[in-house]
Amino acid sequence: MADKKEKTSVQATGSSEMRRSQEDEVVGDESSGIRTVETLLRLFPVGLCVAALVVMLKDSETNEYGSLSYSNITAFRFLVHANGICAGYSLLSAAVTAIPRPITMQRAWTFFLLDQVLTYLILAAGAVATEVAYLTYKGDLTVTWSEVCGTYGHFCRSAMASIIITFMVVICYVLLSLISSYRLFSKYDAPVGYHNKGIEIVDFGN
């Protein structure tokens, strides 16, 4: 009987270890798949940011009415700088993400905060540039800003192309922000003292 019990316990231990190793392999495969998707999602904005930056840098037009360049408009200069910053961050973060290493709390918080900052930065640049582009098409008589796209059509079309590409970058960064926030808040709980805090509700009616 003792031998049978020992065999049963050994078989149970072996099956549990095998099940645990299989679960570890599944988790590893899932994390590897997520890492690959995230790396590609971080690399994709590099090309988009560079494209938007180059299109805007080359955006200038000269005719009989004069010359107009992106450098004459502050919002378009801001768009160029924001795309340059995002391109550099995307390349660096993709390189860090591609390296398989355990995700620590410090690393998760760093990615979460930087992704949030870059998302708002590129969104703000795109929104401001869109407002200025609207004014170049429609004008605003209250501030004596006449529409210029009838005269500088090529300039306006290039600016709109750069803005559209920038909003594609915004979509990528929104997805990255969701991934980094999910990784942070699903992997790490609130501080230890938080769970031990009771919430006292005072009934003033009694």
N, C-alpha and C. Protein backbone atom coordinates (compact mmCIF):
# COMPACT_ATOMS: atom_id res chain seq x y z
N MET A 1 0.82 -1.20 0.00
CA MET A 1 0.00 0.00 0.00
C MET A 1 0.85 1.25 0.00
N ALA A 2 1.95 1.19 0.79
CA ALA A 2 2.82 2.36 0.86
C ALA A 2 3.45 2.65 -0.49
N ASP A 3 3.85 1.54 -1.21
CA ASP A 3 4.44 1.74 -2.53
C ASP A 3 3.44 2.36 -3.49
N LYS A 4 2.18 1.93 -3.42
CA LYS A 4 1.17 2.48 -4.31
C LYS A 4 0.94 3.96 -4.03
N LYS A 5 0.92 4.32 -2.72
CA LYS A 5 0.74 5.74 -2.36
C LYS A 5 1.90 6.58 -2.87
N GLU A 6 3.13 6.03 -2.73
CA GLU A 6 4.29 6.78 -3.21
C GLU A 6 4.23 6.96 -4.71
N LYS A 7 3.84 5.90 -5.46
CA LYS A 7 3.73 6.00 -6.91
C LYS A 7 2.68 7.02 -7.31
N THR A 8 1.55 7.00 -6.57
CA THR A 8 0.46 7.93 -6.87
C THR A 8 0.90 9.38 -6.65
N SER A 9 1.63 9.60 -5.53
CA SER A 9 2.10 10.96 -5.23
C SER A 9 3.13 11.42 -6.25
N VAL A 10 4.01 10.49 -6.68
CA VAL A 10 5.01 10.84 -7.68
C VAL A 10 4.36 11.18 -9.00
N GLN A 11 3.32 10.37 -9.39
CA GLN A 11 2.62 10.64 -10.63
C GLN A 11 1.89 11.97 -10.57
N ALA A 12 1.27 12.28 -9.42
CA ALA A 12 0.56 13.55 -9.26
C ALA A 12 1.53 14.72 -9.34
N THR A 13 2.70 14.54 -8.67
CA THR A 13 3.71 15.61 -8.71
C THR A 13 4.23 15.82 -10.12
N GLY A 14 4.48 14.69 -10.83
CA GLY A 14 4.97 14.80 -12.19
C GLY A 14 3.97 15.46 -13.12
N SER A 15 2.68 15.09 -12.97
CA SER A 15 1.65 15.68 -13.83
C SER A 15 1.48 17.17 -13.54
N SER A 16 1.57 17.55 -12.25
CA SER A 16 1.44 18.98 -11.92
C SER A 16 2.62 19.78 -12.47
N GLU A 17 3.83 19.20 -12.37
CA GLU A 17 4.98 19.89 -12.93
C GLU A 17 4.89 20.01 -14.44
N MET A 18 4.41 18.95 -15.09
CA MET A 18 4.25 18.99 -16.54
C MET A 18 3.21 20.05 -16.92
N ARG A 19 2.10 20.12 -16.16
CA ARG A 19 1.06 21.10 -16.45
C ARG A 19 1.59 22.51 -16.24
N ARG A 20 2.41 22.68 -15.19
CA ARG A 20 2.97 24.00 -14.92
C ARG A 20 3.93 24.42 -16.01
N SER A 21 4.75 23.47 -16.50
CA SER A 21 5.69 23.80 -17.58
C SER A 21 4.95 24.14 -18.86
N GLN A 22 3.84 23.41 -19.13
CA GLN A 22 3.05 23.72 -20.32
C GLN A 22 2.43 25.11 -20.22
N GLU A 23 1.95 25.46 -19.02
CA GLU A 23 1.38 26.79 -18.83
C GLU A 23 2.45 27.87 -19.02
N ASP A 24 3.67 27.58 -18.51
CA ASP A 24 4.75 28.54 -18.68
C ASP A 24 5.09 28.72 -20.15
N GLU A 25 5.04 27.62 -20.92
CA GLU A 25 5.33 27.73 -22.35
C GLU A 25 4.27 28.56 -23.05
N VAL A 26 2.99 28.36 -22.67
CA VAL A 26 1.91 29.14 -23.28
C VAL A 26 2.06 30.61 -22.97
N VAL A 27 2.36 30.92 -21.69
CA VAL A 27 2.56 32.32 -21.29
C VAL A 27 3.74 32.92 -22.03
N GLY A 28 4.82 32.11 -22.16
CA GLY A 28 5.99 32.62 -22.88
C GLY A 28 5.68 32.92 -24.32
N ASP A 29 4.91 32.01 -24.97
CA ASP A 29 4.53 32.23 -26.36
C ASP A 29 3.67 33.47 -26.51
N GLU A 30 2.71 33.66 -25.56
CA GLU A 30 1.84 34.82 -25.63
C GLU A 30 2.63 36.10 -25.44
N SER A 31 3.55 36.11 -24.44
CA SER A 31 4.34 37.31 -24.20
C SER A 31 5.25 37.60 -25.38
N SER A 32 5.79 36.55 -26.01
CA SER A 32 6.63 36.74 -27.18
C SER A 32 5.82 37.31 -28.34
N GLY A 33 4.58 36.82 -28.50
CA GLY A 33 3.72 37.35 -29.56
C GLY A 33 3.37 38.81 -29.33
N ILE A 34 3.05 39.14 -28.07
CA ILE A 34 2.72 40.53 -27.73
C ILE A 34 3.93 41.42 -27.93
N ARG A 35 5.12 40.93 -27.57
CA ARG A 35 6.33 41.71 -27.75
C ARG A 35 6.60 41.99 -29.23
N THR A 36 6.36 40.98 -30.07
CA THR A 36 6.56 41.17 -31.51
C THR A 36 5.60 42.21 -32.08
N VAL A 37 4.32 42.11 -31.68
CA VAL A 37 3.32 43.07 -32.15
C VAL A 37 3.67 44.48 -31.67
N GLU A 38 4.07 44.59 -30.41
CA GLU A 38 4.41 45.91 -29.87
C GLU A 38 5.65 46.49 -30.55
N THR A 39 6.63 45.64 -30.83
CA THR A 39 7.83 46.12 -31.51
C THR A 39 7.50 46.66 -32.90
N LEU A 40 6.67 45.93 -33.64
CA LEU A 40 6.27 46.38 -34.97
C LEU A 40 5.43 47.66 -34.88
N LEU A 41 4.58 47.73 -33.86
CA LEU A 41 3.75 48.91 -33.69
C LEU A 41 4.58 50.13 -33.29
N ARG A 42 5.73 49.90 -32.67
CA ARG A 42 6.61 51.02 -32.33
C ARG A 42 7.51 51.39 -33.51
N LEU A 43 7.79 50.43 -34.38
CA LEU A 43 8.61 50.73 -35.56
C LEU A 43 7.80 51.46 -36.64
N PHE A 44 6.52 51.13 -36.76
CA PHE A 44 5.69 51.71 -37.81
C PHE A 44 5.65 53.24 -37.75
N PRO A 45 5.50 53.87 -36.57
CA PRO A 45 5.49 55.33 -36.53
C PRO A 45 6.79 55.99 -36.97
N VAL A 46 7.90 55.25 -36.94
CA VAL A 46 9.17 55.85 -37.38
C VAL A 46 9.06 56.31 -38.83
N GLY A 47 8.60 55.40 -39.70
CA GLY A 47 8.45 55.76 -41.10
C GLY A 47 7.41 56.84 -41.31
N LEU A 48 6.29 56.75 -40.55
CA LEU A 48 5.25 57.77 -40.70
C LEU A 48 5.73 59.14 -40.25
N CYS A 49 6.43 59.19 -39.12
CA CYS A 49 6.93 60.47 -38.61
C CYS A 49 7.93 61.09 -39.58
N VAL A 50 8.83 60.25 -40.10
CA VAL A 50 9.83 60.76 -41.05
C VAL A 50 9.15 61.26 -42.31
N ALA A 51 8.12 60.52 -42.78
CA ALA A 51 7.40 60.95 -43.98
C ALA A 51 6.70 62.28 -43.76
N ALA A 52 5.99 62.41 -42.62
CA ALA A 52 5.31 63.67 -42.32
C ALA A 52 6.30 64.81 -42.18
N LEU A 53 7.43 64.52 -41.56
CA LEU A 53 8.47 65.55 -41.35
C LEU A 53 9.05 66.01 -42.69
N VAL A 54 9.38 65.06 -43.56
CA VAL A 54 10.01 65.40 -44.84
C VAL A 54 9.03 66.19 -45.73
N VAL A 55 7.76 65.74 -45.75
CA VAL A 55 6.76 66.43 -46.57
C VAL A 55 6.62 67.88 -46.12
N MET A 56 6.59 68.08 -44.79
CA MET A 56 6.44 69.45 -44.29
C MET A 56 7.69 70.27 -44.49
N LEU A 57 8.87 69.66 -44.36
CA LEU A 57 10.11 70.40 -44.57
C LEU A 57 10.24 70.90 -46.01
N LYS A 58 9.71 70.13 -46.94
CA LYS A 58 9.79 70.51 -48.35
C LYS A 58 8.61 71.38 -48.79
N ASP A 59 7.75 71.70 -47.86
CA ASP A 59 6.53 72.43 -48.20
C ASP A 59 6.81 73.93 -48.34
N SER A 60 6.98 74.36 -49.54
CA SER A 60 7.16 75.78 -49.84
C SER A 60 6.70 76.02 -51.28
N GLU A 61 6.26 77.24 -51.52
CA GLU A 61 5.78 77.58 -52.85
C GLU A 61 6.07 79.05 -53.12
N THR A 62 6.50 79.31 -54.35
CA THR A 62 6.81 80.67 -54.78
C THR A 62 6.05 80.96 -56.07
N ASN A 63 5.38 82.10 -56.11
CA ASN A 63 4.70 82.54 -57.33
C ASN A 63 4.78 84.06 -57.42
N GLU A 64 3.95 84.63 -58.28
CA GLU A 64 4.03 86.08 -58.48
C GLU A 64 3.59 86.87 -57.26
N TYR A 65 2.91 86.19 -56.30
CA TYR A 65 2.45 86.89 -55.10
C TYR A 65 3.49 86.84 -53.97
N GLY A 66 4.52 86.02 -54.15
CA GLY A 66 5.55 85.91 -53.13
C GLY A 66 5.86 84.47 -52.79
N SER A 67 6.53 84.28 -51.68
CA SER A 67 6.92 82.93 -51.25
C SER A 67 6.24 82.59 -49.93
N LEU A 68 5.90 81.32 -49.78
CA LEU A 68 5.28 80.83 -48.55
C LEU A 68 5.91 79.50 -48.20
N SER A 69 6.37 79.37 -46.96
CA SER A 69 7.03 78.14 -46.50
C SER A 69 6.47 77.73 -45.15
N TYR A 70 6.67 76.48 -44.81
CA TYR A 70 6.21 75.98 -43.51
C TYR A 70 6.84 76.76 -42.37
N SER A 71 8.06 77.25 -42.58
CA SER A 71 8.77 77.97 -41.53
C SER A 71 8.12 79.31 -41.20
N ASN A 72 7.22 79.77 -42.05
CA ASN A 72 6.50 81.01 -41.77
C ASN A 72 5.34 80.82 -40.80
N ILE A 73 5.00 79.57 -40.51
CA ILE A 73 3.84 79.27 -39.67
C ILE A 73 4.31 78.46 -38.46
N THR A 74 4.09 79.00 -37.27
CA THR A 74 4.58 78.37 -36.04
C THR A 74 4.01 76.98 -35.84
N ALA A 75 2.73 76.78 -36.13
CA ALA A 75 2.10 75.48 -35.92
C ALA A 75 2.74 74.40 -36.78
N PHE A 76 3.13 74.75 -37.99
CA PHE A 76 3.77 73.77 -38.87
C PHE A 76 5.19 73.46 -38.40
N ARG A 77 5.87 74.44 -37.84
CA ARG A 77 7.19 74.17 -37.27
C ARG A 77 7.07 73.25 -36.06
N PHE A 78 6.04 73.47 -35.26
CA PHE A 78 5.79 72.60 -34.11
C PHE A 78 5.52 71.17 -34.57
N LEU A 79 4.78 71.03 -35.67
CA LEU A 79 4.49 69.70 -36.21
C LEU A 79 5.78 68.98 -36.62
N VAL A 80 6.69 69.71 -37.23
CA VAL A 80 7.97 69.12 -37.64
C VAL A 80 8.75 68.65 -36.42
N HIS A 81 8.85 69.48 -35.40
CA HIS A 81 9.61 69.10 -34.20
C HIS A 81 8.95 67.91 -33.49
N ALA A 82 7.62 67.91 -33.40
CA ALA A 82 6.93 66.81 -32.73
C ALA A 82 7.15 65.49 -33.47
N ASN A 83 7.09 65.52 -34.78
CA ASN A 83 7.33 64.30 -35.55
C ASN A 83 8.77 63.82 -35.40
N GLY A 84 9.72 64.75 -35.33
CA GLY A 84 11.11 64.36 -35.13
C GLY A 84 11.33 63.69 -33.78
N ILE A 85 10.71 64.25 -32.73
CA ILE A 85 10.82 63.66 -31.40
C ILE A 85 10.19 62.28 -31.36
N CYS A 86 9.01 62.15 -31.97
CA CYS A 86 8.31 60.86 -31.97
C CYS A 86 9.07 59.81 -32.77
N ALA A 87 9.70 60.21 -33.86
CA ALA A 87 10.48 59.26 -34.65
C ALA A 87 11.65 58.71 -33.83
N GLY A 88 12.35 59.60 -33.14
CA GLY A 88 13.47 59.16 -32.31
C GLY A 88 13.03 58.27 -31.17
N TYR A 89 11.95 58.65 -30.49
CA TYR A 89 11.45 57.83 -29.38
C TYR A 89 10.95 56.48 -29.87
N SER A 90 10.26 56.47 -31.01
CA SER A 90 9.73 55.21 -31.54
C SER A 90 10.85 54.23 -31.86
N LEU A 91 11.91 54.74 -32.47
CA LEU A 91 13.04 53.87 -32.81
C LEU A 91 13.72 53.33 -31.57
N LEU A 92 13.94 54.20 -30.59
CA LEU A 92 14.59 53.77 -29.35
C LEU A 92 13.74 52.78 -28.57
N SER A 93 12.44 53.08 -28.44
CA SER A 93 11.56 52.19 -27.67
C SER A 93 11.37 50.84 -28.38
N ALA A 94 11.37 50.85 -29.71
CA ALA A 94 11.26 49.58 -30.44
C ALA A 94 12.49 48.71 -30.19
N ALA A 95 13.68 49.33 -30.17
CA ALA A 95 14.90 48.57 -29.90
C ALA A 95 14.88 47.97 -28.49
N VAL A 96 14.39 48.74 -27.52
CA VAL A 96 14.32 48.24 -26.15
C VAL A 96 13.28 47.13 -26.03
N THR A 97 12.14 47.30 -26.69
CA THR A 97 11.07 46.31 -26.61
C THR A 97 11.46 44.99 -27.28
N ALA A 98 12.24 45.07 -28.35
CA ALA A 98 12.60 43.86 -29.10
C ALA A 98 13.51 42.94 -28.30
N ILE A 99 14.22 43.48 -27.31
CA ILE A 99 15.12 42.66 -26.50
C ILE A 99 14.31 41.91 -25.45
N PRO A 100 14.30 40.58 -25.45
CA PRO A 100 13.52 39.83 -24.46
C PRO A 100 14.13 39.96 -23.07
N ARG A 101 13.40 40.56 -22.19
CA ARG A 101 13.86 40.70 -20.80
C ARG A 101 12.63 40.82 -19.91
N PRO A 102 12.74 40.45 -18.64
CA PRO A 102 11.59 40.54 -17.74
C PRO A 102 11.13 41.99 -17.56
N ILE A 103 9.82 42.15 -17.48
CA ILE A 103 9.25 43.49 -17.34
C ILE A 103 9.18 43.84 -15.87
N THR A 104 9.95 44.82 -15.46
CA THR A 104 9.94 45.28 -14.08
C THR A 104 8.92 46.41 -13.93
N MET A 105 8.61 46.75 -12.69
CA MET A 105 7.67 47.84 -12.45
C MET A 105 8.23 49.17 -12.97
N GLN A 106 9.53 49.38 -12.77
CA GLN A 106 10.14 50.62 -13.24
C GLN A 106 10.05 50.75 -14.76
N ARG A 107 10.32 49.63 -15.45
CA ARG A 107 10.24 49.66 -16.91
C ARG A 107 8.81 49.87 -17.39
N ALA A 108 7.86 49.21 -16.73
CA ALA A 108 6.45 49.36 -17.12
C ALA A 108 5.97 50.79 -16.91
N TRP A 109 6.36 51.39 -15.78
CA TRP A 109 5.97 52.78 -15.53
C TRP A 109 6.62 53.74 -16.52
N THR A 110 7.88 53.47 -16.86
CA THR A 110 8.59 54.34 -17.81
C THR A 110 7.92 54.33 -19.18
N PHE A 111 7.61 53.14 -19.67
CA PHE A 111 6.93 53.05 -20.97
C PHE A 111 5.55 53.70 -20.91
N PHE A 112 4.84 53.47 -19.82
CA PHE A 112 3.49 54.03 -19.69
C PHE A 112 3.53 55.56 -19.74
N LEU A 113 4.41 56.16 -18.94
CA LEU A 113 4.47 57.62 -18.88
C LEU A 113 4.96 58.23 -20.19
N LEU A 114 6.02 57.65 -20.78
CA LEU A 114 6.54 58.19 -22.03
C LEU A 114 5.53 58.03 -23.18
N ASP A 115 4.85 56.90 -23.21
CA ASP A 115 3.83 56.71 -24.26
C ASP A 115 2.71 57.74 -24.12
N GLN A 116 2.32 58.02 -22.88
CA GLN A 116 1.28 59.02 -22.67
C GLN A 116 1.74 60.41 -23.12
N VAL A 117 2.97 60.78 -22.74
CA VAL A 117 3.49 62.09 -23.10
C VAL A 117 3.59 62.24 -24.62
N LEU A 118 4.12 61.22 -25.29
CA LEU A 118 4.29 61.30 -26.75
C LEU A 118 2.93 61.30 -27.45
N THR A 119 1.97 60.59 -26.91
CA THR A 119 0.63 60.59 -27.52
C THR A 119 0.02 61.98 -27.48
N TYR A 120 0.09 62.62 -26.33
CA TYR A 120 -0.47 63.97 -26.22
C TYR A 120 0.33 64.98 -27.03
N LEU A 121 1.64 64.78 -27.12
CA LEU A 121 2.47 65.71 -27.89
C LEU A 121 2.10 65.68 -29.37
N ILE A 122 2.05 64.48 -29.95
CA ILE A 122 1.77 64.38 -31.38
C ILE A 122 0.31 64.72 -31.67
N LEU A 123 -0.59 64.44 -30.73
CA LEU A 123 -1.99 64.82 -30.90
C LEU A 123 -2.15 66.34 -30.89
N ALA A 124 -1.44 67.00 -29.97
CA ALA A 124 -1.51 68.46 -29.91
C ALA A 124 -0.94 69.09 -31.18
N ALA A 125 0.18 68.55 -31.66
CA ALA A 125 0.77 69.08 -32.89
C ALA A 125 -0.17 68.92 -34.08
N GLY A 126 -0.80 67.76 -34.18
CA GLY A 126 -1.73 67.53 -35.28
C GLY A 126 -2.96 68.42 -35.19
N ALA A 127 -3.48 68.61 -33.97
CA ALA A 127 -4.68 69.43 -33.78
C ALA A 127 -4.40 70.90 -34.12
N VAL A 128 -3.29 71.42 -33.63
CA VAL A 128 -2.95 72.82 -33.90
C VAL A 128 -2.71 73.03 -35.40
N ALA A 129 -1.98 72.11 -36.03
CA ALA A 129 -1.72 72.23 -37.46
C ALA A 129 -3.02 72.13 -38.27
N THR A 130 -3.95 71.29 -37.82
CA THR A 130 -5.24 71.18 -38.51
C THR A 130 -6.02 72.48 -38.45
N GLU A 131 -6.00 73.13 -37.29
CA GLU A 131 -6.70 74.41 -37.14
C GLU A 131 -6.11 75.47 -38.07
N VAL A 132 -4.79 75.51 -38.14
CA VAL A 132 -4.15 76.49 -39.02
C VAL A 132 -4.42 76.15 -40.48
N ALA A 133 -4.39 74.87 -40.82
CA ALA A 133 -4.69 74.48 -42.20
C ALA A 133 -6.12 74.85 -42.58
N TYR A 134 -7.04 74.73 -41.63
CA TYR A 134 -8.43 75.13 -41.90
C TYR A 134 -8.49 76.63 -42.22
N LEU A 135 -7.73 77.41 -41.46
CA LEU A 135 -7.71 78.86 -41.69
C LEU A 135 -7.09 79.19 -43.05
N THR A 136 -6.09 78.42 -43.46
CA THR A 136 -5.50 78.69 -44.77
C THR A 136 -6.48 78.38 -45.90
N TYR A 137 -7.40 77.45 -45.66
CA TYR A 137 -8.40 77.12 -46.67
C TYR A 137 -9.59 78.09 -46.62
N LYS A 138 -10.06 78.40 -45.40
CA LYS A 138 -11.29 79.17 -45.25
C LYS A 138 -11.06 80.64 -44.91
N GLY A 139 -9.92 80.90 -44.23
CA GLY A 139 -9.68 82.26 -43.78
C GLY A 139 -10.53 82.60 -42.57
N ASP A 140 -10.30 83.78 -42.00
CA ASP A 140 -11.07 84.26 -40.85
C ASP A 140 -11.11 85.78 -40.92
N LEU A 141 -12.27 86.31 -41.30
CA LEU A 141 -12.39 87.75 -41.49
C LEU A 141 -12.29 88.51 -40.18
N THR A 142 -12.65 87.86 -39.06
CA THR A 142 -12.62 88.57 -37.77
C THR A 142 -11.20 88.92 -37.34
N VAL A 143 -10.23 88.12 -37.79
CA VAL A 143 -8.83 88.41 -37.45
C VAL A 143 -8.06 88.83 -38.70
N THR A 144 -8.81 89.20 -39.74
CA THR A 144 -8.24 89.65 -41.02
C THR A 144 -7.23 88.65 -41.58
N TRP A 145 -7.59 87.35 -41.50
CA TRP A 145 -6.75 86.30 -42.06
C TRP A 145 -7.46 85.80 -43.31
N SER A 146 -6.95 86.15 -44.45
CA SER A 146 -7.57 85.74 -45.70
C SER A 146 -7.09 84.34 -46.08
N GLU A 147 -7.93 83.62 -46.83
CA GLU A 147 -7.55 82.29 -47.26
C GLU A 147 -6.44 82.40 -48.32
N VAL A 148 -5.50 81.46 -48.24
CA VAL A 148 -4.32 81.52 -49.12
C VAL A 148 -4.23 80.32 -50.04
N CYS A 149 -5.10 79.33 -49.85
CA CYS A 149 -4.97 78.11 -50.64
C CYS A 149 -5.36 78.33 -52.11
N GLY A 150 -6.15 79.36 -52.39
CA GLY A 150 -6.43 79.67 -53.77
C GLY A 150 -5.21 80.16 -54.51
N THR A 151 -4.28 80.76 -53.76
CA THR A 151 -3.05 81.27 -54.36
C THR A 151 -1.90 80.28 -54.22
N TYR A 152 -1.85 79.59 -53.08
CA TYR A 152 -0.77 78.64 -52.80
C TYR A 152 -1.35 77.24 -52.65
N GLY A 153 -1.89 76.72 -53.72
CA GLY A 153 -2.55 75.42 -53.67
C GLY A 153 -1.61 74.27 -53.33
N HIS A 154 -0.43 74.27 -53.94
CA HIS A 154 0.52 73.19 -53.68
C HIS A 154 0.96 73.20 -52.22
N PHE A 155 1.15 74.36 -51.66
CA PHE A 155 1.56 74.48 -50.26
C PHE A 155 0.50 73.87 -49.35
N CYS A 156 -0.77 74.19 -49.60
CA CYS A 156 -1.85 73.69 -48.75
C CYS A 156 -2.01 72.18 -48.88
N ARG A 157 -1.88 71.66 -50.08
CA ARG A 157 -2.03 70.21 -50.27
C ARG A 157 -0.92 69.45 -49.57
N SER A 158 0.30 69.96 -49.65
CA SER A 158 1.42 69.29 -48.96
C SER A 158 1.24 69.35 -47.45
N ALA A 159 0.76 70.49 -46.95
CA ALA A 159 0.54 70.62 -45.51
C ALA A 159 -0.52 69.64 -45.04
N MET A 160 -1.59 69.50 -45.79
CA MET A 160 -2.65 68.56 -45.41
C MET A 160 -2.16 67.12 -45.45
N ALA A 161 -1.31 66.79 -46.43
CA ALA A 161 -0.76 65.44 -46.50
C ALA A 161 0.07 65.14 -45.25
N SER A 162 0.89 66.10 -44.83
CA SER A 162 1.70 65.91 -43.62
C SER A 162 0.83 65.76 -42.38
N ILE A 163 -0.26 66.53 -42.32
CA ILE A 163 -1.17 66.45 -41.16
C ILE A 163 -1.87 65.10 -41.12
N ILE A 164 -2.32 64.60 -42.27
CA ILE A 164 -2.99 63.30 -42.32
C ILE A 164 -2.05 62.19 -41.85
N ILE A 165 -0.80 62.23 -42.31
CA ILE A 165 0.17 61.23 -41.87
C ILE A 165 0.40 61.33 -40.37
N THR A 166 0.41 62.56 -39.85
CA THR A 166 0.61 62.75 -38.42
C THR A 166 -0.52 62.11 -37.61
N PHE A 167 -1.74 62.21 -38.09
CA PHE A 167 -2.86 61.59 -37.36
C PHE A 167 -2.80 60.06 -37.46
N MET A 168 -2.16 59.52 -38.47
CA MET A 168 -1.91 58.08 -38.49
C MET A 168 -0.94 57.71 -37.38
N VAL A 169 0.02 58.58 -37.12
CA VAL A 169 0.94 58.37 -35.99
C VAL A 169 0.18 58.41 -34.67
N VAL A 170 -0.78 59.34 -34.58
CA VAL A 170 -1.59 59.45 -33.36
C VAL A 170 -2.31 58.13 -33.08
N ILE A 171 -2.87 57.50 -34.11
CA ILE A 171 -3.57 56.23 -33.94
C ILE A 171 -2.62 55.16 -33.40
N CYS A 172 -1.41 55.12 -33.96
CA CYS A 172 -0.41 54.15 -33.47
C CYS A 172 -0.09 54.38 -32.01
N TYR A 173 0.06 55.64 -31.60
CA TYR A 173 0.42 55.94 -30.23
C TYR A 173 -0.74 55.71 -29.26
N VAL A 174 -1.96 55.88 -29.73
CA VAL A 174 -3.10 55.53 -28.88
C VAL A 174 -3.09 54.03 -28.58
N LEU A 175 -2.83 53.22 -29.59
CA LEU A 175 -2.74 51.77 -29.39
C LEU A 175 -1.59 51.41 -28.46
N LEU A 176 -0.44 52.07 -28.64
CA LEU A 176 0.70 51.81 -27.76
C LEU A 176 0.40 52.21 -26.32
N SER A 177 -0.32 53.31 -26.14
CA SER A 177 -0.70 53.74 -24.79
C SER A 177 -1.61 52.73 -24.13
N LEU A 178 -2.52 52.14 -24.91
CA LEU A 178 -3.40 51.11 -24.37
C LEU A 178 -2.61 49.88 -23.96
N ILE A 179 -1.64 49.49 -24.79
CA ILE A 179 -0.83 48.31 -24.48
C ILE A 179 0.00 48.54 -23.21
N SER A 180 0.67 49.68 -23.13
CA SER A 180 1.53 49.95 -21.97
C SER A 180 0.71 50.12 -20.69
N SER A 181 -0.47 50.74 -20.80
CA SER A 181 -1.31 50.89 -19.61
C SER A 181 -1.88 49.54 -19.16
N TYR A 182 -2.27 48.69 -20.11
CA TYR A 182 -2.77 47.36 -19.76
C TYR A 182 -1.67 46.54 -19.09
N ARG A 183 -0.45 46.60 -19.63
CA ARG A 183 0.65 45.84 -19.04
C ARG A 183 0.94 46.31 -17.62
N LEU A 184 0.90 47.60 -17.40
CA LEU A 184 1.22 48.14 -16.08
C LEU A 184 0.15 47.79 -15.05
N PHE A 185 -1.11 48.07 -15.37
CA PHE A 185 -2.17 47.95 -14.37
C PHE A 185 -2.71 46.53 -14.24
N SER A 186 -2.40 45.65 -15.19
CA SER A 186 -2.80 44.25 -15.04
C SER A 186 -1.72 43.42 -14.35
N LYS A 187 -0.48 43.87 -14.44
CA LYS A 187 0.63 43.09 -13.86
C LYS A 187 0.91 43.49 -12.42
N TYR A 188 0.73 44.77 -12.11
CA TYR A 188 1.09 45.27 -10.78
C TYR A 188 -0.16 45.80 -10.08
N ASP A 189 -0.28 45.42 -8.80
CA ASP A 189 -1.42 45.84 -8.00
C ASP A 189 -1.14 47.21 -7.38
N ALA A 190 -2.13 47.71 -6.69
CA ALA A 190 -1.96 48.95 -5.95
C ALA A 190 -0.98 48.72 -4.79
N PRO A 191 -0.42 49.77 -4.19
CA PRO A 191 0.50 49.61 -3.06
C PRO A 191 -0.11 48.77 -1.95
N VAL A 192 0.80 48.10 -1.20
CA VAL A 192 0.36 47.13 -0.19
C VAL A 192 -0.54 47.78 0.85
N GLY A 193 -0.17 48.96 1.30
CA GLY A 193 -0.95 49.63 2.34
C GLY A 193 -2.34 49.99 1.89
N TYR A 194 -2.53 50.09 0.57
CA TYR A 194 -3.83 50.49 0.04
C TYR A 194 -4.89 49.42 0.31
N HIS A 195 -4.50 48.15 0.21
CA HIS A 195 -5.45 47.07 0.40
C HIS A 195 -5.88 46.97 1.87
N ASN A 196 -5.01 47.41 2.78
CA ASN A 196 -5.30 47.29 4.20
C ASN A 196 -6.08 48.46 4.74
N LYS A 197 -6.29 49.46 3.92
CA LYS A 197 -7.01 50.64 4.38
C LYS A 197 -8.50 50.38 4.32
N GLY A 198 -9.15 50.64 5.41
CA GLY A 198 -10.59 50.52 5.40
C GLY A 198 -11.22 51.88 5.11
N ILE A 199 -12.41 51.85 4.52
CA ILE A 199 -13.12 53.08 4.21
C ILE A 199 -14.26 53.20 5.20
N GLU A 200 -14.20 54.20 6.00
CA GLU A 200 -15.21 54.38 7.03
C GLU A 200 -16.28 55.33 6.52
N ILE A 201 -17.52 54.89 6.54
CA ILE A 201 -18.65 55.69 6.08
C ILE A 201 -19.40 56.19 7.30
N VAL A 202 -19.52 57.47 7.44
CA VAL A 202 -20.16 58.07 8.59
C VAL A 202 -21.61 58.39 8.23
N ASP A 203 -22.53 57.89 9.00
CA ASP A 203 -23.94 58.17 8.81
C ASP A 203 -24.34 59.33 9.71
N PHE A 204 -24.50 60.49 9.14
CA PHE A 204 -24.81 61.66 9.94
C PHE A 204 -26.28 61.70 10.35
N GLY A 205 -27.06 60.77 9.77
CA GLY A 205 -28.49 60.78 10.13
C GLY A 205 -28.77 60.16 11.48
N ASN A 206 -27.80 59.37 12.00
CA ASN A 206 -28.03 58.70 13.28
C ASN A 206 -27.25 59.38 14.40
